[in-house]
Amino acid sequence: MLDLLKAYSLQEVVVFGIMLTFAVKGILETIKYFENTYQNKFNHDYEQKTHNEEINESIQECKARCEEAKIRGELLDTKIDTLSTDLNNRLELIEGTVKQLILSDMHDIKAWIIEKHHYFMEKGEIDDFSMDVINHRFEDYKKEDGNSFVEDLVKELRELHKQAFSNKR
């Protein structure tokens, strides 16, 4: 170091020291700059990785929910099919019952008209009120697909002599 002081003046040594200080400071700032840049890059990469992981977790949750919804949908389809089959069976039963009731009603109307036919034919006359009731019942009978036998009976009743309605028996 003594040689250094002999070879250079005090001014040159001070200038050299100051330059060395600035050079070290520049090197340190450069190192800090690269360190910050690397840190920012690392943080950005870490944040991106974390964000991607969160997105992947959300995707997995959505897939799981979709799978659950699919299973629920299949269960609902099965239940709907079962209910539909049950409903169709009940409808068929109701249709059969209604057809039987219509047939039974048709037979009741037929028997009633035959009874009234015998009564009024024996009497030889019919009142307007009774004829009106017979006509209404006959219309119901026709709607229930009754046959022409009863139609012939009603025609005979319509041809009878008309009498005034009386409440006396």
Protein backbone atom coordinates (compact mmCIF):
# COMPACT_ATOMS: atom_id res chain seq x y z
CA MET A 1 0.00 0.00 0.00
CA LEU A 2 2.96 2.21 0.64
CA ASP A 3 3.98 1.70 -2.92
CA LEU A 4 0.56 2.78 -3.99
CA LEU A 5 0.86 6.04 -2.06
CA LYS A 6 4.31 6.67 -3.55
CA ALA A 7 3.15 5.95 -7.10
CA TYR A 8 -0.02 8.06 -6.89
CA SER A 9 -0.72 11.35 -5.29
CA LEU A 10 -3.21 11.78 -2.48
CA GLN A 11 -5.61 13.40 -4.86
CA GLU A 12 -5.43 10.49 -7.27
CA VAL A 13 -5.93 8.01 -4.43
CA VAL A 14 -9.01 9.93 -3.17
CA VAL A 15 -10.44 10.16 -6.69
CA PHE A 16 -9.71 6.49 -7.14
CA GLY A 17 -11.42 5.72 -3.79
CA ILE A 18 -14.45 7.79 -4.76
CA MET A 19 -14.62 6.07 -8.14
CA LEU A 20 -14.28 2.71 -6.46
CA THR A 21 -17.10 3.64 -4.09
CA PHE A 22 -19.34 4.68 -7.00
CA ALA A 23 -18.42 1.51 -8.87
CA VAL A 24 -19.28 -0.67 -5.84
CA LYS A 25 -22.47 1.33 -5.37
CA GLY A 26 -23.36 0.79 -9.06
CA ILE A 27 -22.61 -2.91 -8.80
CA LEU A 28 -24.76 -3.19 -5.66
CA GLU A 29 -27.61 -1.28 -7.33
CA THR A 30 -27.31 -3.53 -10.40
CA ILE A 31 -27.39 -6.60 -8.17
CA LYS A 32 -30.41 -5.18 -6.30
CA TYR A 33 -32.11 -4.39 -9.64
CA PHE A 34 -31.63 -7.95 -10.90
CA GLU A 35 -32.66 -9.29 -7.53
CA ASN A 36 -35.89 -7.23 -7.62
CA THR A 37 -36.52 -8.21 -11.23
CA TYR A 38 -36.01 -11.85 -10.37
CA GLN A 39 -38.17 -11.47 -7.26
CA ASN A 40 -40.95 -9.81 -9.31
CA LYS A 41 -40.68 -12.53 -11.94
CA PHE A 42 -40.77 -15.18 -9.22
CA ASN A 43 -43.76 -13.47 -7.54
CA HIS A 44 -45.53 -13.16 -10.90
CA ASP A 45 -44.83 -16.81 -11.67
CA TYR A 46 -45.98 -17.81 -8.19
CA GLU A 47 -49.15 -15.71 -8.50
CA GLN A 48 -49.79 -17.17 -11.97
CA LYS A 49 -49.24 -20.68 -10.63
CA THR A 50 -51.55 -19.99 -7.67
CA HIS A 51 -54.15 -18.48 -9.98
CA ASN A 52 -53.93 -21.49 -12.31
CA GLU A 53 -54.29 -23.84 -9.35
CA GLU A 54 -57.38 -21.93 -8.20
CA ILE A 55 -58.83 -22.14 -11.71
CA ASN A 56 -58.08 -25.88 -11.83
CA GLU A 57 -59.76 -26.35 -8.44
CA SER A 58 -62.80 -24.43 -9.72
CA ILE A 59 -62.86 -26.57 -12.84
CA GLN A 60 -62.70 -29.73 -10.72
CA GLU A 61 -65.52 -28.45 -8.52
CA CYS A 62 -67.59 -27.67 -11.60
CA LYS A 63 -66.91 -31.13 -12.99
CA ALA A 64 -67.94 -32.70 -9.67
CA ARG A 65 -71.13 -30.60 -9.59
CA CYS A 66 -71.89 -31.51 -13.20
CA GLU A 67 -71.45 -35.17 -12.37
CA GLU A 68 -73.76 -34.80 -9.37
CA ALA A 69 -76.31 -32.98 -11.52
CA LYS A 70 -76.05 -35.72 -14.14
CA ILE A 71 -76.68 -38.39 -11.50
CA ARG A 72 -79.61 -36.39 -10.09
CA GLY A 73 -80.96 -35.95 -13.60
CA GLU A 74 -80.76 -39.68 -14.22
CA LEU A 75 -82.56 -40.32 -10.92
CA LEU A 76 -85.22 -37.80 -11.87
CA ASP A 77 -85.58 -39.46 -15.29
CA THR A 78 -86.06 -42.81 -13.57
CA LYS A 79 -88.63 -41.35 -11.17
CA ILE A 80 -90.44 -39.60 -14.02
CA ASP A 81 -90.51 -42.84 -16.03
CA THR A 82 -91.90 -44.70 -13.02
CA LEU A 83 -94.52 -42.01 -12.37
CA SER A 84 -95.41 -41.91 -16.06
CA THR A 85 -95.88 -45.68 -16.16
CA ASP A 86 -97.95 -45.56 -12.97
CA LEU A 87 -100.02 -42.69 -14.36
CA ASN A 88 -100.60 -44.56 -17.64
CA ASN A 89 -101.68 -47.65 -15.72
CA ARG A 90 -104.08 -45.60 -13.62
CA LEU A 91 -105.41 -43.86 -16.72
CA GLU A 92 -106.08 -47.21 -18.37
CA LEU A 93 -107.88 -48.35 -15.22
CA ILE A 94 -109.93 -45.15 -15.13
CA GLU A 95 -110.75 -45.46 -18.85
CA GLY A 96 -111.89 -49.03 -18.29
CA THR A 97 -113.97 -47.99 -15.30
CA VAL A 98 -115.54 -45.08 -17.20
CA LYS A 99 -116.35 -47.35 -20.15
CA GLN A 100 -117.97 -49.81 -17.74
CA LEU A 101 -119.95 -47.00 -16.09
CA ILE A 102 -121.12 -45.72 -19.46
CA LEU A 103 -122.15 -49.22 -20.47
CA SER A 104 -123.96 -49.69 -17.16
CA ASP A 105 -125.71 -46.32 -17.55
CA MET A 106 -126.68 -47.22 -21.11
CA HIS A 107 -128.27 -50.46 -19.85
CA ASP A 108 -130.07 -48.58 -17.07
CA ILE A 109 -131.47 -46.04 -19.56
CA LYS A 110 -132.49 -48.87 -21.90
CA ALA A 111 -134.30 -50.69 -19.05
CA TRP A 112 -135.97 -47.46 -17.92
CA ILE A 113 -137.16 -46.60 -21.45
CA ILE A 114 -138.46 -50.17 -21.93
CA GLU A 115 -140.34 -49.91 -18.61
CA LYS A 116 -141.81 -46.53 -19.60
CA HIS A 117 -142.65 -47.90 -23.05
CA HIS A 118 -144.63 -50.80 -21.53
CA TYR A 119 -146.39 -48.47 -19.09
CA PHE A 120 -147.42 -45.82 -21.59
CA MET A 121 -148.26 -48.29 -24.39
CA GLU A 122 -150.57 -50.10 -21.96
CA LYS A 123 -152.07 -46.74 -20.99
CA GLY A 124 -152.39 -45.74 -24.65
CA GLU A 125 -151.33 -42.13 -24.11
CA ILE A 126 -148.39 -40.08 -22.77
CA ASP A 127 -148.08 -36.61 -21.26
CA ASP A 128 -145.66 -34.00 -22.67
CA PHE A 129 -143.53 -33.88 -19.53
CA SER A 130 -142.92 -37.64 -19.52
CA MET A 131 -142.19 -37.61 -23.26
CA ASP A 132 -139.69 -34.77 -22.75
CA VAL A 133 -137.90 -36.74 -20.00
CA ILE A 134 -137.85 -39.86 -22.21
CA ASN A 135 -136.40 -37.82 -25.10
CA HIS A 136 -133.63 -36.43 -22.88
CA ARG A 137 -132.77 -39.88 -21.54
CA PHE A 138 -132.82 -41.24 -25.09
CA GLU A 139 -130.36 -38.53 -26.23
CA ASP A 140 -128.02 -39.63 -23.41
CA TYR A 141 -128.50 -43.23 -24.54
CA LYS A 142 -127.53 -42.33 -28.13
CA LYS A 143 -124.41 -40.45 -26.91
CA GLU A 144 -123.42 -43.64 -25.11
CA ASP A 145 -123.69 -45.55 -28.43
CA GLY A 146 -127.02 -47.20 -27.69
CA ASN A 147 -128.63 -49.32 -30.39
CA SER A 148 -131.68 -48.75 -32.62
CA PHE A 149 -133.96 -51.08 -30.63
CA VAL A 150 -134.58 -48.32 -28.09
CA GLU A 151 -134.94 -45.79 -30.90
CA ASP A 152 -137.86 -47.81 -32.26
CA LEU A 153 -139.48 -47.83 -28.78
CA VAL A 154 -139.11 -44.05 -28.48
CA LYS A 155 -140.64 -43.58 -31.95
CA GLU A 156 -143.65 -45.63 -30.85
CA LEU A 157 -143.97 -43.48 -27.70
CA ARG A 158 -143.83 -40.29 -29.79
CA GLU A 159 -146.73 -41.56 -31.90
CA LEU A 160 -148.98 -42.07 -28.85
CA HIS A 161 -151.88 -39.75 -28.12
CA LYS A 162 -150.75 -36.75 -26.04
CA GLN A 163 -152.50 -36.02 -22.77
CA ALA A 164 -152.22 -32.99 -20.50
CA PHE A 165 -149.89 -33.44 -17.53
CA SER A 166 -151.61 -34.16 -14.24
CA ASN A 167 -150.23 -34.45 -10.71
CA LYS A 168 -152.96 -36.93 -9.76
CA ARG A 169 -152.07 -40.55 -9.55
